[in-house]
Each structure stands twice: as structure tokens, then as C-alpha cells.
Amino acid sequence: MNDFTPSRYSFRLVLGLGAIAVGMAMLLDRQGLLPAWMVLRWWPLLLMALAASRFLDRGFVWGSGGHVLLWLGIIGLLGETGHDDLVRQWWPLILVYFGMLMALRSFVPEPPKRCKPGLLPEPTPPSSAPSGTQP
């Protein structure tokens, strides 16, 4: 039995769309139509979108990589918008966040491991030979 159902908003999809956006911004910059810095300064939003895709794929509590990407995106976004002082003043909040996450994991059961199709051989059904005869 295979319980693997890939998310429509997978990590690869979001990463691919991010690469398209960066490439288009650079292409428009080369053509003189739009300065690339106007688009590329929002790079932390790509990290936050990647975090959301991890949460959709693995669940909020157990998507560890998503939490790291989320916080890197938040810190980057605050830096890009000129709010570095908030990061310096409130960085202990990150410790509180991850501490609460670890405590929450003790109450929420870990989801079963999923296997991608084709990685494990499919189980073969038992043969339908009559029980009294031998081949």
C-alpha cells in the first residue's frame, strides 16, 4: 500500500517558480525595463513560500526545515525593510518559538513515514494454487 500523496505546492514547484521570478527580474533589468533590485529585494518571501510548502507537505509541527526557512525569511524581510533593530532586540523570541515547538511535539504523534512510489517493491499477492496440490 502506498500512502504517498505529493502536495500540489511542493518544495520543487515553489523553488522553480522562484527561479523563474529571479530570471525574469534579471532579464527585465538587462533590457532596461525594470531595475532588478526592486524585485530581488523581496528574496525573503521566497524562503517563506518554501517554508509554507514544507508545512503543507509534512505538517506544521513536524516540518522542521519549514520552521528554519520561516525564521530566515522573517529575519531577511525585517533586514530588507530596515527593521534590523527589531531582530537585535527580539532575537530571544526565536528560542521561545523553537522551545514551544519541541514541547508541542511531545503531545502530537509523529506522522508515519511516507515512501515515494517505486522506491520499495510492491508486495506480491499469495499464489492461488489449490492447497492440496504441489507444483
C-alpha atoms as a PDB file:
ATOM      1  CA  MET A   1       0.000   0.000   0.000  1.00  0.00           C
ATOM      2  CA  ASN A   2       1.319   3.419  -0.864  1.00  0.00           C
ATOM      3  CA  ASP A   3       0.167   6.363   1.236  1.00  0.00           C
ATOM      4  CA  PHE A   4       2.331   8.912  -0.560  1.00  0.00           C
ATOM      5  CA  THR A   5       0.340  11.824  -1.903  1.00  0.00           C
ATOM      6  CA  PRO A   6       2.577  14.666  -3.027  1.00  0.00           C
ATOM      7  CA  SER A   7       1.453  18.180  -2.216  1.00  0.00           C
ATOM      8  CA  ARG A   8       0.351  20.318  -5.125  1.00  0.00           C
ATOM      9  CA  TYR A   9       2.565  23.075  -3.721  1.00  0.00           C
ATOM     10  CA  SER A  10       5.741  21.067  -3.446  1.00  0.00           C
ATOM     11  CA  PHE A  11       9.137  22.411  -2.490  1.00  0.00           C
ATOM     12  CA  ARG A  12      10.382  21.922  -6.061  1.00  0.00           C
ATOM     13  CA  LEU A  13       7.444  23.814  -7.526  1.00  0.00           C
ATOM     14  CA  VAL A  14       7.990  26.816  -5.262  1.00  0.00           C
ATOM     15  CA  LEU A  15      11.746  26.731  -5.885  1.00  0.00           C
ATOM     16  CA  GLY A  16      11.145  26.549  -9.640  1.00  0.00           C
ATOM     17  CA  LEU A  17       8.734  29.473  -9.569  1.00  0.00           C
ATOM     18  CA  GLY A  18      11.263  31.425  -7.531  1.00  0.00           C
ATOM     19  CA  ALA A  19      13.965  30.715 -10.118  1.00  0.00           C
ATOM     20  CA  ILE A  20      11.607  31.906 -12.855  1.00  0.00           C
ATOM     21  CA  ALA A  21      10.916  35.142 -10.943  1.00  0.00           C
ATOM     22  CA  VAL A  22      14.634  35.822 -10.389  1.00  0.00           C
ATOM     23  CA  GLY A  23      15.419  35.079 -14.029  1.00  0.00           C
ATOM     24  CA  MET A  24      12.632  37.335 -15.268  1.00  0.00           C
ATOM     25  CA  ALA A  25      13.750  40.161 -12.968  1.00  0.00           C
ATOM     26  CA  MET A  26      17.303  39.893 -14.277  1.00  0.00           C
ATOM     27  CA  LEU A  27      16.097  39.721 -17.888  1.00  0.00           C
ATOM     28  CA  LEU A  28      13.927  42.821 -17.425  1.00  0.00           C
ATOM     29  CA  ASP A  29      16.879  44.583 -15.776  1.00  0.00           C
ATOM     30  CA  ARG A  30      19.136  43.745 -18.750  1.00  0.00           C
ATOM     31  CA  GLN A  31      16.523  45.194 -21.099  1.00  0.00           C
ATOM     32  CA  GLY A  32      16.281  48.371 -19.025  1.00  0.00           C
ATOM     33  CA  LEU A  33      12.590  47.868 -18.303  1.00  0.00           C
ATOM     34  CA  LEU A  34      12.673  47.265 -14.543  1.00  0.00           C
ATOM     35  CA  PRO A  35      15.516  47.585 -12.057  1.00  0.00           C
ATOM     36  CA  ALA A  36      16.189  44.084 -10.674  1.00  0.00           C
ATOM     37  CA  TRP A  37      16.746  45.359  -7.142  1.00  0.00           C
ATOM     38  CA  MET A  38      13.047  46.289  -6.948  1.00  0.00           C
ATOM     39  CA  VAL A  39      12.128  42.605  -7.273  1.00  0.00           C
ATOM     40  CA  LEU A  40      15.153  40.890  -5.771  1.00  0.00           C
ATOM     41  CA  ARG A  41      14.952  42.795  -2.501  1.00  0.00           C
ATOM     42  CA  TRP A  42      11.930  40.618  -1.678  1.00  0.00           C
ATOM     43  CA  TRP A  43      14.005  37.386  -1.678  1.00  0.00           C
ATOM     44  CA  PRO A  44      12.901  36.555   1.909  1.00  0.00           C
ATOM     45  CA  LEU A  45       9.377  35.965   0.604  1.00  0.00           C
ATOM     46  CA  LEU A  46      10.748  33.042  -1.421  1.00  0.00           C
ATOM     47  CA  LEU A  47      12.085  31.495   1.804  1.00  0.00           C
ATOM     48  CA  MET A  48       8.719  31.990   3.452  1.00  0.00           C
ATOM     49  CA  ALA A  49       6.937  30.371   0.485  1.00  0.00           C
ATOM     50  CA  LEU A  50       9.347  27.427   0.693  1.00  0.00           C
ATOM     51  CA  ALA A  51       8.521  27.156   4.401  1.00  0.00           C
ATOM     52  CA  ALA A  52       4.802  27.100   3.609  1.00  0.00           C
ATOM     53  CA  SER A  53       5.352  24.308   1.091  1.00  0.00           C
ATOM     54  CA  ARG A  54       7.203  22.282   3.753  1.00  0.00           C
ATOM     55  CA  PHE A  55       4.319  22.805   6.171  1.00  0.00           C
ATOM     56  CA  LEU A  56       1.790  21.682   3.558  1.00  0.00           C
ATOM     57  CA  ASP A  57       3.875  18.618   2.781  1.00  0.00           C
ATOM     58  CA  ARG A  58       4.903  17.488   6.271  1.00  0.00           C
ATOM     59  CA  GLY A  59       2.525  19.283   8.622  1.00  0.00           C
ATOM     60  CA  PHE A  60       3.178  22.347  10.757  1.00  0.00           C
ATOM     61  CA  VAL A  61       4.536  20.609  13.839  1.00  0.00           C
ATOM     62  CA  TRP A  62       6.854  18.146  12.090  1.00  0.00           C
ATOM     63  CA  GLY A  63       8.095  20.335   9.214  1.00  0.00           C
ATOM     64  CA  SER A  64      11.411  21.234  10.876  1.00  0.00           C
ATOM     65  CA  GLY A  65      13.017  22.652   7.751  1.00  0.00           C
ATOM     66  CA  GLY A  66       9.971  24.841   7.260  1.00  0.00           C
ATOM     67  CA  HIS A  67      10.415  26.488  10.642  1.00  0.00           C
ATOM     68  CA  VAL A  68      14.048  27.318   9.915  1.00  0.00           C
ATOM     69  CA  LEU A  69      13.150  28.712   6.477  1.00  0.00           C
ATOM     70  CA  LEU A  70      10.302  30.699   8.008  1.00  0.00           C
ATOM     71  CA  TRP A  71      12.561  32.391  10.546  1.00  0.00           C
ATOM     72  CA  LEU A  72      15.292  33.059   7.989  1.00  0.00           C
ATOM     73  CA  GLY A  73      12.632  34.664   5.802  1.00  0.00           C
ATOM     74  CA  ILE A  74      11.298  36.783   8.660  1.00  0.00           C
ATOM     75  CA  ILE A  75      14.779  37.967   9.636  1.00  0.00           C
ATOM     76  CA  GLY A  76      15.657  38.669   5.992  1.00  0.00           C
ATOM     77  CA  LEU A  77      12.421  40.560   5.421  1.00  0.00           C
ATOM     78  CA  LEU A  78      12.977  42.687   8.500  1.00  0.00           C
ATOM     79  CA  GLY A  79      16.521  43.403   7.308  1.00  0.00           C
ATOM     80  CA  GLU A  80      15.412  44.333   3.796  1.00  0.00           C
ATOM     81  CA  THR A  81      12.752  46.704   5.122  1.00  0.00           C
ATOM     82  CA  GLY A  82      15.152  48.455   7.512  1.00  0.00           C
ATOM     83  CA  HIS A  83      13.985  46.911  10.790  1.00  0.00           C
ATOM     84  CA  ASP A  84      17.290  45.344  11.876  1.00  0.00           C
ATOM     85  CA  ASP A  85      16.761  46.803  15.356  1.00  0.00           C
ATOM     86  CA  LEU A  86      13.767  44.501  15.868  1.00  0.00           C
ATOM     87  CA  VAL A  87      15.936  41.450  15.181  1.00  0.00           C
ATOM     88  CA  ARG A  88      18.610  42.626  17.626  1.00  0.00           C
ATOM     89  CA  GLN A  89      16.049  43.347  20.336  1.00  0.00           C
ATOM     90  CA  TRP A  90      13.700  40.370  19.915  1.00  0.00           C
ATOM     91  CA  TRP A  91      16.017  37.504  18.854  1.00  0.00           C
ATOM     92  CA  PRO A  92      15.264  35.546  22.091  1.00  0.00           C
ATOM     93  CA  LEU A  93      11.751  35.131  20.700  1.00  0.00           C
ATOM     94  CA  ILE A  94      13.245  32.624  18.240  1.00  0.00           C
ATOM     95  CA  LEU A  95      14.445  30.493  21.173  1.00  0.00           C
ATOM     96  CA  VAL A  96      10.996  30.659  22.743  1.00  0.00           C
ATOM     97  CA  TYR A  97       9.414  29.652  19.415  1.00  0.00           C
ATOM     98  CA  PHE A  98      11.606  26.590  18.945  1.00  0.00           C
ATOM     99  CA  GLY A  99      11.220  25.638  22.608  1.00  0.00           C
ATOM    100  CA  MET A 100       7.435  25.730  22.255  1.00  0.00           C
ATOM    101  CA  LEU A 101       7.713  23.696  19.063  1.00  0.00           C
ATOM    102  CA  MET A 102       9.752  20.994  20.822  1.00  0.00           C
ATOM    103  CA  ALA A 103       7.265  20.896  23.696  1.00  0.00           C
ATOM    104  CA  LEU A 104       4.343  20.671  21.271  1.00  0.00           C
ATOM    105  CA  ARG A 105       5.974  17.719  19.524  1.00  0.00           C
ATOM    106  CA  SER A 106       5.758  15.735  22.745  1.00  0.00           C
ATOM    107  CA  PHE A 107       1.953  15.923  22.528  1.00  0.00           C
ATOM    108  CA  VAL A 108       1.481  15.437  18.778  1.00  0.00           C
ATOM    109  CA  PRO A 109       2.265  11.986  17.401  1.00  0.00           C
ATOM    110  CA  GLU A 110       4.786  11.830  14.585  1.00  0.00           C
ATOM    111  CA  PRO A 111       3.123  11.079  11.256  1.00  0.00           C
ATOM    112  CA  PRO A 112       4.041   7.762   9.635  1.00  0.00           C
ATOM    113  CA  LYS A 113       6.924   7.838   7.205  1.00  0.00           C
ATOM    114  CA  ARG A 114       5.818   8.036   3.606  1.00  0.00           C
ATOM    115  CA  CYS A 115       7.572   6.332   0.754  1.00  0.00           C
ATOM    116  CA  LYS A 116       7.692   7.666  -2.768  1.00  0.00           C
ATOM    117  CA  PRO A 117       6.205   5.338  -5.380  1.00  0.00           C
ATOM    118  CA  GLY A 118       8.691   2.949  -6.896  1.00  0.00           C
ATOM    119  CA  LEU A 119      11.253   3.014  -4.083  1.00  0.00           C
ATOM    120  CA  LEU A 120      10.083  -0.200  -2.483  1.00  0.00           C
ATOM    121  CA  PRO A 121       8.978  -3.289  -4.374  1.00  0.00           C
ATOM    122  CA  GLU A 122       5.251  -3.838  -4.467  1.00  0.00           C
ATOM    123  CA  PRO A 123       4.092  -6.784  -2.335  1.00  0.00           C
ATOM    124  CA  THR A 124       3.128  -9.817  -4.379  1.00  0.00           C
ATOM    125  CA  PRO A 125      -0.219 -11.427  -3.630  1.00  0.00           C
ATOM    126  CA  PRO A 126      -0.151 -15.033  -2.415  1.00  0.00           C
ATOM    127  CA  SER A 127      -0.431 -17.623  -5.158  1.00  0.00           C
ATOM    128  CA  SER A 128      -3.879 -19.022  -5.853  1.00  0.00           C
ATOM    129  CA  ALA A 129      -2.776 -22.652  -6.188  1.00  0.00           C
ATOM    130  CA  PRO A 130      -5.109 -25.201  -4.537  1.00  0.00           C
ATOM    131  CA  SER A 131      -3.900 -26.137  -1.092  1.00  0.00           C
ATOM    132  CA  GLY A 132      -3.790 -29.921  -1.697  1.00  0.00           C
ATOM    133  CA  THR A 133      -1.642 -29.897  -4.837  1.00  0.00           C
ATOM    134  CA  GLN A 134       2.037 -29.214  -5.231  1.00  0.00           C
ATOM    135  CA  PRO A 135       3.526 -27.584  -8.319  1.00  0.00           C
END
